Amino acid sequence: VSPSWYASTAEHGRVVPTWNYVTAHVRGT
């Protein structure tokens, strides 16, 4: 996720890149 996509970037610039994801850790025998 690029900060350049955020409206907040133009408003205050206090943004950083991040990573979106979906995951599950399934535990068992």
PDB file of all heavy atoms in Angstrom:
ATOM      1  N   VAL A   1       0.855  -1.188   0.000  1.00  0.00           N
ATOM      2  CA  VAL A   1       0.000   0.000   0.000  1.00  0.00           C
ATOM      3  C   VAL A   1       0.891   1.238   0.000  1.00  0.00           C
ATOM      4  O   VAL A   1       1.671   1.456   0.943  1.00  0.00           O
ATOM      5  CB  VAL A   1      -0.939   0.013   1.222  1.00  0.00           C
ATOM      6  CG1 VAL A   1      -1.764   1.301   1.256  1.00  0.00           C
ATOM      7  CG2 VAL A   1      -1.859  -1.211   1.194  1.00  0.00           C
ATOM      8  N   SER A   2       0.781   2.035  -1.038  1.00  0.00           N
ATOM      9  CA  SER A   2       1.596   3.238  -1.182  1.00  0.00           C
ATOM     10  C   SER A   2       0.946   4.432  -0.482  1.00  0.00           C
ATOM     11  O   SER A   2      -0.256   4.671  -0.645  1.00  0.00           O
ATOM     12  CB  SER A   2       1.779   3.572  -2.664  1.00  0.00           C
ATOM     13  OG  SER A   2       2.381   4.851  -2.825  1.00  0.00           O
ATOM     14  N   PRO A   3       1.720   5.232   0.266  1.00  0.00           N
ATOM     15  CA  PRO A   3       1.171   6.443   0.869  1.00  0.00           C
ATOM     16  C   PRO A   3       0.648   7.432  -0.178  1.00  0.00           C
ATOM     17  O   PRO A   3      -0.183   8.281   0.137  1.00  0.00           O
ATOM     18  CB  PRO A   3       2.367   7.047   1.621  1.00  0.00           C
ATOM     19  CG  PRO A   3       3.314   5.918   1.827  1.00  0.00           C
ATOM     20  CD  PRO A   3       3.125   5.008   0.650  1.00  0.00           C
ATOM     21  N   SER A   4       1.125   7.297  -1.410  1.00  0.00           N
ATOM     22  CA  SER A   4       0.663   8.215  -2.461  1.00  0.00           C
ATOM     23  C   SER A   4      -0.821   8.032  -2.772  1.00  0.00           C
ATOM     24  O   SER A   4      -1.434   8.903  -3.399  1.00  0.00           O
ATOM     25  CB  SER A   4       1.479   8.009  -3.743  1.00  0.00           C
ATOM     26  OG  SER A   4       1.234   6.725  -4.300  1.00  0.00           O
ATOM     27  N   TRP A   5      -1.412   6.932  -2.303  1.00  0.00           N
ATOM     28  CA  TRP A   5      -2.836   6.690  -2.544  1.00  0.00           C
ATOM     29  C   TRP A   5      -3.726   7.351  -1.501  1.00  0.00           C
ATOM     30  O   TRP A   5      -4.933   7.423  -1.673  1.00  0.00           O
ATOM     31  CB  TRP A   5      -3.126   5.191  -2.565  1.00  0.00           C
ATOM     32  CG  TRP A   5      -2.410   4.441  -3.646  1.00  0.00           C
ATOM     33  CD1 TRP A   5      -1.898   4.948  -4.803  1.00  0.00           C
ATOM     34  CD2 TRP A   5      -2.131   3.036  -3.677  1.00  0.00           C
ATOM     35  NE1 TRP A   5      -1.308   3.959  -5.555  1.00  0.00           N
ATOM     36  CE2 TRP A   5      -1.442   2.763  -4.875  1.00  0.00           C
ATOM     37  CE3 TRP A   5      -2.390   1.990  -2.804  1.00  0.00           C
ATOM     38  CZ2 TRP A   5      -1.024   1.495  -5.222  1.00  0.00           C
ATOM     39  CZ3 TRP A   5      -1.973   0.716  -3.152  1.00  0.00           C
ATOM     40  CH2 TRP A   5      -1.301   0.464  -4.349  1.00  0.00           C
ATOM     41  N   TYR A   6      -3.142   7.786  -0.392  1.00  0.00           N
ATOM     42  CA  TYR A   6      -3.932   8.341   0.705  1.00  0.00           C
ATOM     43  C   TYR A   6      -4.264   9.810   0.472  1.00  0.00           C
ATOM     44  O   TYR A   6      -3.379  10.611   0.124  1.00  0.00           O
ATOM     45  CB  TYR A   6      -3.168   8.259   2.028  1.00  0.00           C
ATOM     46  CG  TYR A   6      -2.913   6.886   2.589  1.00  0.00           C
ATOM     47  CD1 TYR A   6      -1.844   6.681   3.446  1.00  0.00           C
ATOM     48  CD2 TYR A   6      -3.746   5.808   2.308  1.00  0.00           C
ATOM     49  CE1 TYR A   6      -1.590   5.436   4.009  1.00  0.00           C
ATOM     50  CE2 TYR A   6      -3.503   4.556   2.855  1.00  0.00           C
ATOM     51  CZ  TYR A   6      -2.426   4.380   3.699  1.00  0.00           C
ATOM     52  OH  TYR A   6      -2.180   3.155   4.261  1.00  0.00           O
ATOM     53  N   ALA A   7      -5.508  10.169   0.753  1.00  0.00           N
ATOM     54  CA  ALA A   7      -5.862  11.586   0.803  1.00  0.00           C
ATOM     55  C   ALA A   7      -5.098  12.275   1.935  1.00  0.00           C
ATOM     56  O   ALA A   7      -4.755  13.462   1.845  1.00  0.00           O
ATOM     57  CB  ALA A   7      -7.369  11.740   0.997  1.00  0.00           C
ATOM     58  N   SER A   8      -4.804  11.542   2.999  1.00  0.00           N
ATOM     59  CA  SER A   8      -4.093  12.106   4.157  1.00  0.00           C
ATOM     60  C   SER A   8      -2.703  12.617   3.798  1.00  0.00           C
ATOM     61  O   SER A   8      -2.163  13.497   4.481  1.00  0.00           O
ATOM     62  CB  SER A   8      -3.955  11.042   5.252  1.00  0.00           C
ATOM     63  OG  SER A   8      -5.214  10.613   5.711  1.00  0.00           O
ATOM     64  N   THR A   9      -2.112  12.085   2.741  1.00  0.00           N
ATOM     65  CA  THR A   9      -0.777  12.518   2.341  1.00  0.00           C
ATOM     66  C   THR A   9      -0.773  14.001   2.010  1.00  0.00           C
ATOM     67  O   THR A   9       0.129  14.742   2.424  1.00  0.00           O
ATOM     68  CB  THR A   9      -0.291  11.686   1.142  1.00  0.00           C
ATOM     69  OG1 THR A   9      -0.264  10.308   1.512  1.00  0.00           O
ATOM     70  CG2 THR A   9       1.098  12.106   0.693  1.00  0.00           C
ATOM     71  N   ALA A  10      -1.780  14.441   1.263  1.00  0.00           N
ATOM     72  CA  ALA A  10      -1.864  15.859   0.906  1.00  0.00           C
ATOM     73  C   ALA A  10      -2.270  16.721   2.095  1.00  0.00           C
ATOM     74  O   ALA A  10      -1.911  17.903   2.167  1.00  0.00           O
ATOM     75  CB  ALA A  10      -2.872  16.043  -0.229  1.00  0.00           C
ATOM     76  N   GLU A  11      -2.991  16.136   3.049  1.00  0.00           N
ATOM     77  CA  GLU A  11      -3.485  16.911   4.197  1.00  0.00           C
ATOM     78  C   GLU A  11      -2.397  17.205   5.214  1.00  0.00           C
ATOM     79  O   GLU A  11      -2.251  18.325   5.685  1.00  0.00           O
ATOM     80  CB  GLU A  11      -4.636  16.164   4.871  1.00  0.00           C
ATOM     81  CG  GLU A  11      -5.889  16.033   4.014  1.00  0.00           C
ATOM     82  CD  GLU A  11      -6.922  15.130   4.657  1.00  0.00           C
ATOM     83  OE1 GLU A  11      -6.777  14.799   5.859  1.00  0.00           O
ATOM     84  OE2 GLU A  11      -7.870  14.737   3.956  1.00  0.00           O
ATOM     85  N   HIS A  12      -1.624  16.169   5.591  1.00  0.00           N
ATOM     86  CA  HIS A  12      -0.641  16.392   6.661  1.00  0.00           C
ATOM     87  C   HIS A  12       0.676  15.643   6.451  1.00  0.00           C
ATOM     88  O   HIS A  12       1.644  15.904   7.149  1.00  0.00           O
ATOM     89  CB  HIS A  12      -1.226  16.012   8.025  1.00  0.00           C
ATOM     90  CG  HIS A  12      -1.859  14.653   8.070  1.00  0.00           C
ATOM     91  ND1 HIS A  12      -1.132  13.495   7.956  1.00  0.00           N
ATOM     92  CD2 HIS A  12      -3.147  14.276   8.209  1.00  0.00           C
ATOM     93  CE1 HIS A  12      -1.933  12.458   8.039  1.00  0.00           C
ATOM     94  NE2 HIS A  12      -3.178  12.898   8.184  1.00  0.00           N
ATOM     95  N   GLY A  13       0.721  14.708   5.513  1.00  0.00           N
ATOM     96  CA  GLY A  13       1.972  14.029   5.193  1.00  0.00           C
ATOM     97  C   GLY A  13       2.444  13.016   6.218  1.00  0.00           C
ATOM     98  O   GLY A  13       3.485  12.378   6.012  1.00  0.00           O
ATOM     99  N   ARG A  14       1.696  12.821   7.308  1.00  0.00           N
ATOM    100  CA  ARG A  14       2.131  11.876   8.341  1.00  0.00           C
ATOM    101  C   ARG A  14       1.631  10.471   8.001  1.00  0.00           C
ATOM    102  O   ARG A  14       0.715   9.933   8.627  1.00  0.00           O
ATOM    103  CB  ARG A  14       1.630  12.325   9.714  1.00  0.00           C
ATOM    104  CG  ARG A  14       2.214  13.663  10.170  1.00  0.00           C
ATOM    105  CD  ARG A  14       1.866  13.990  11.620  1.00  0.00           C
ATOM    106  NE  ARG A  14       0.429  14.030  11.844  1.00  0.00           N
ATOM    107  CZ  ARG A  14      -0.342  15.094  11.645  1.00  0.00           C
ATOM    108  NH1 ARG A  14       0.193  16.223  11.182  1.00  0.00           N
ATOM    109  NH2 ARG A  14      -1.628  15.049  11.895  1.00  0.00           N
ATOM    110  N   VAL A  15       2.234   9.892   6.998  1.00  0.00           N
ATOM    111  CA  VAL A  15       1.825   8.583   6.489  1.00  0.00           C
ATOM    112  C   VAL A  15       3.074   7.775   6.147  1.00  0.00           C
ATOM    113  O   VAL A  15       4.145   8.340   5.915  1.00  0.00           O
ATOM    114  CB  VAL A  15       0.921   8.701   5.229  1.00  0.00           C
ATOM    115  CG1 VAL A  15      -0.393   9.378   5.566  1.00  0.00           C
ATOM    116  CG2 VAL A  15       1.638   9.477   4.130  1.00  0.00           C
ATOM    117  N   VAL A  16       2.924   6.476   6.137  1.00  0.00           N
ATOM    118  CA  VAL A  16       4.026   5.580   5.773  1.00  0.00           C
ATOM    119  C   VAL A  16       3.475   4.449   4.900  1.00  0.00           C
ATOM    120  O   VAL A  16       2.277   4.163   4.934  1.00  0.00           O
ATOM    121  CB  VAL A  16       4.711   4.975   7.027  1.00  0.00           C
ATOM    122  CG1 VAL A  16       5.424   6.050   7.831  1.00  0.00           C
ATOM    123  CG2 VAL A  16       3.693   4.234   7.894  1.00  0.00           C
ATOM    124  N   PRO A  17       4.332   3.788   4.142  1.00  0.00           N
ATOM    125  CA  PRO A  17       3.879   2.605   3.399  1.00  0.00           C
ATOM    126  C   PRO A  17       3.475   1.495   4.371  1.00  0.00           C
ATOM    127  O   PRO A  17       3.922   1.462   5.526  1.00  0.00           O
ATOM    128  CB  PRO A  17       5.110   2.187   2.589  1.00  0.00           C
ATOM    129  CG  PRO A  17       6.024   3.356   2.613  1.00  0.00           C
ATOM    130  CD  PRO A  17       5.743   4.094   3.895  1.00  0.00           C
ATOM    131  N   THR A  18       2.664   0.585   3.893  1.00  0.00           N
ATOM    132  CA  THR A  18       2.283  -0.566   4.714  1.00  0.00           C
ATOM    133  C   THR A  18       1.962  -1.737   3.801  1.00  0.00           C
ATOM    134  O   THR A  18       2.088  -1.645   2.575  1.00  0.00           O
ATOM    135  CB  THR A  18       1.090  -0.221   5.637  1.00  0.00           C
ATOM    136  OG1 THR A  18       0.929  -1.275   6.599  1.00  0.00           O
ATOM    137  CG2 THR A  18      -0.198  -0.052   4.845  1.00  0.00           C
ATOM    138  N   TRP A  19       1.567  -2.821   4.413  1.00  0.00           N
ATOM    139  CA  TRP A  19       1.219  -4.034   3.666  1.00  0.00           C
ATOM    140  C   TRP A  19      -0.148  -4.515   4.152  1.00  0.00           C
ATOM    141  O   TRP A  19      -0.357  -4.674   5.354  1.00  0.00           O
ATOM    142  CB  TRP A  19       2.262  -5.133   3.899  1.00  0.00           C
ATOM    143  CG  TRP A  19       2.302  -6.125   2.778  1.00  0.00           C
ATOM    144  CD1 TRP A  19       1.542  -7.255   2.646  1.00  0.00           C
ATOM    145  CD2 TRP A  19       3.116  -6.056   1.612  1.00  0.00           C
ATOM    146  NE1 TRP A  19       1.841  -7.905   1.475  1.00  0.00           N
ATOM    147  CE2 TRP A  19       2.810  -7.184   0.813  1.00  0.00           C
ATOM    148  CE3 TRP A  19       4.080  -5.161   1.158  1.00  0.00           C
ATOM    149  CZ2 TRP A  19       3.432  -7.440  -0.401  1.00  0.00           C
ATOM    150  CZ3 TRP A  19       4.701  -5.415  -0.048  1.00  0.00           C
ATOM    151  CH2 TRP A  19       4.372  -6.546  -0.821  1.00  0.00           C
ATOM    152  N   ASN A  20      -1.054  -4.704   3.221  1.00  0.00           N
ATOM    153  CA  ASN A  20      -2.347  -5.303   3.550  1.00  0.00           C
ATOM    154  C   ASN A  20      -2.262  -6.800   3.324  1.00  0.00           C
ATOM    155  O   ASN A  20      -1.568  -7.259   2.393  1.00  0.00           O
ATOM    156  CB  ASN A  20      -3.450  -4.723   2.662  1.00  0.00           C
ATOM    157  CG  ASN A  20      -3.995  -3.411   3.191  1.00  0.00           C
ATOM    158  OD1 ASN A  20      -3.623  -2.957   4.262  1.00  0.00           O
ATOM    159  ND2 ASN A  20      -4.877  -2.793   2.433  1.00  0.00           N
ATOM    160  N   TYR A  21      -2.996  -7.574   4.131  1.00  0.00           N
ATOM    161  CA  TYR A  21      -2.974  -9.024   3.950  1.00  0.00           C
ATOM    162  C   TYR A  21      -4.116  -9.680   4.687  1.00  0.00           C
ATOM    163  O   TYR A  21      -4.720  -9.105   5.591  1.00  0.00           O
ATOM    164  CB  TYR A  21      -1.642  -9.626   4.416  1.00  0.00           C
ATOM    165  CG  TYR A  21      -1.275  -9.319   5.850  1.00  0.00           C
ATOM    166  CD1 TYR A  21      -1.680 -10.139   6.898  1.00  0.00           C
ATOM    167  CD2 TYR A  21      -0.509  -8.187   6.150  1.00  0.00           C
ATOM    168  CE1 TYR A  21      -1.337  -9.861   8.206  1.00  0.00           C
ATOM    169  CE2 TYR A  21      -0.154  -7.895   7.466  1.00  0.00           C
ATOM    170  CZ  TYR A  21      -0.573  -8.733   8.489  1.00  0.00           C
ATOM    171  OH  TYR A  21      -0.240  -8.456   9.785  1.00  0.00           O
ATOM    172  N   VAL A  22      -4.382 -10.907   4.267  1.00  0.00           N
ATOM    173  CA  VAL A  22      -5.373 -11.770   4.901  1.00  0.00           C
ATOM    174  C   VAL A  22      -4.667 -13.089   5.208  1.00  0.00           C
ATOM    175  O   VAL A  22      -4.044 -13.682   4.317  1.00  0.00           O
ATOM    176  CB  VAL A  22      -6.580 -12.017   3.977  1.00  0.00           C
ATOM    177  CG1 VAL A  22      -7.544 -13.031   4.592  1.00  0.00           C
ATOM    178  CG2 VAL A  22      -7.297 -10.705   3.658  1.00  0.00           C
ATOM    179  N   THR A  23      -4.750 -13.539   6.452  1.00  0.00           N
ATOM    180  CA  THR A  23      -4.082 -14.790   6.797  1.00  0.00           C
ATOM    181  C   THR A  23      -4.782 -15.468   7.964  1.00  0.00           C
ATOM    182  O   THR A  23      -5.485 -14.820   8.747  1.00  0.00           O
ATOM    183  CB  THR A  23      -2.591 -14.545   7.145  1.00  0.00           C
ATOM    184  OG1 THR A  23      -1.909 -15.794   7.265  1.00  0.00           O
ATOM    185  CG2 THR A  23      -2.441 -13.779   8.446  1.00  0.00           C
ATOM    186  N   ALA A  24      -4.588 -16.769   8.056  1.00  0.00           N
ATOM    187  CA  ALA A  24      -5.058 -17.533   9.207  1.00  0.00           C
ATOM    188  C   ALA A  24      -3.975 -18.529   9.597  1.00  0.00           C
ATOM    189  O   ALA A  24      -3.341 -19.139   8.723  1.00  0.00           O
ATOM    190  CB  ALA A  24      -6.360 -18.272   8.888  1.00  0.00           C
ATOM    191  N   HIS A  25      -3.758 -18.664  10.896  1.00  0.00           N
ATOM    192  CA  HIS A  25      -2.872 -19.692  11.427  1.00  0.00           C
ATOM    193  C   HIS A  25      -3.759 -20.775  12.029  1.00  0.00           C
ATOM    194  O   HIS A  25      -4.447 -20.543  13.026  1.00  0.00           O
ATOM    195  CB  HIS A  25      -1.954 -19.110  12.496  1.00  0.00           C
ATOM    196  CG  HIS A  25      -0.913 -18.186  11.951  1.00  0.00           C
ATOM    197  ND1 HIS A  25       0.008 -17.540  12.745  1.00  0.00           N
ATOM    198  CD2 HIS A  25      -0.648 -17.797  10.677  1.00  0.00           C
ATOM    199  CE1 HIS A  25       0.798 -16.803  11.988  1.00  0.00           C
ATOM    200  NE2 HIS A  25       0.419 -16.935  10.726  1.00  0.00           N
ATOM    201  N   VAL A  26      -3.757 -21.929  11.394  1.00  0.00           N
ATOM    202  CA  VAL A  26      -4.624 -23.034  11.808  1.00  0.00           C
ATOM    203  C   VAL A  26      -3.751 -24.076  12.495  1.00  0.00           C
ATOM    204  O   VAL A  26      -2.826 -24.623  11.892  1.00  0.00           O
ATOM    205  CB  VAL A  26      -5.352 -23.648  10.591  1.00  0.00           C
ATOM    206  CG1 VAL A  26      -6.348 -24.702  11.047  1.00  0.00           C
ATOM    207  CG2 VAL A  26      -6.055 -22.560   9.781  1.00  0.00           C
ATOM    208  N   ARG A  27      -4.044 -24.334  13.773  1.00  0.00           N
ATOM    209  CA  ARG A  27      -3.224 -25.247  14.563  1.00  0.00           C
ATOM    210  C   ARG A  27      -4.022 -26.500  14.920  1.00  0.00           C
ATOM    211  O   ARG A  27      -5.232 -26.440  15.106  1.00  0.00           O
ATOM    212  CB  ARG A  27      -2.751 -24.568  15.847  1.00  0.00           C
ATOM    213  CG  ARG A  27      -1.935 -23.317  15.611  1.00  0.00           C
ATOM    214  CD  ARG A  27      -1.644 -22.587  16.916  1.00  0.00           C
ATOM    215  NE  ARG A  27      -1.055 -21.283  16.680  1.00  0.00           N
ATOM    216  CZ  ARG A  27       0.250 -21.058  16.557  1.00  0.00           C
ATOM    217  NH1 ARG A  27       1.099 -22.066  16.668  1.00  0.00           N
ATOM    218  NH2 ARG A  27       0.705 -19.843  16.339  1.00  0.00           N
ATOM    219  N   GLY A  28      -3.331 -27.612  15.003  1.00  0.00           N
ATOM    220  CA  GLY A  28      -3.987 -28.851  15.387  1.00  0.00           C
ATOM    221  C   GLY A  28      -3.047 -30.030  15.301  1.00  0.00           C
ATOM    222  O   GLY A  28      -1.837 -29.880  15.117  1.00  0.00           O
ATOM    223  N   THR A  29      -3.616 -31.205  15.425  1.00  0.00           N
ATOM    224  CA  THR A  29      -2.854 -32.447  15.367  1.00  0.00           C
ATOM    225  C   THR A  29      -2.878 -32.997  13.946  1.00  0.00           C
ATOM    226  O   THR A  29      -3.929 -33.045  13.310  1.00  0.00           O
ATOM    227  CB  THR A  29      -3.448 -33.492  16.332  1.00  0.00           C
ATOM    228  OG1 THR A  29      -3.424 -32.953  17.662  1.00  0.00           O
ATOM    229  CG2 THR A  29      -2.655 -34.783  16.299  1.00  0.00           C
TER     230      THR A  29
END
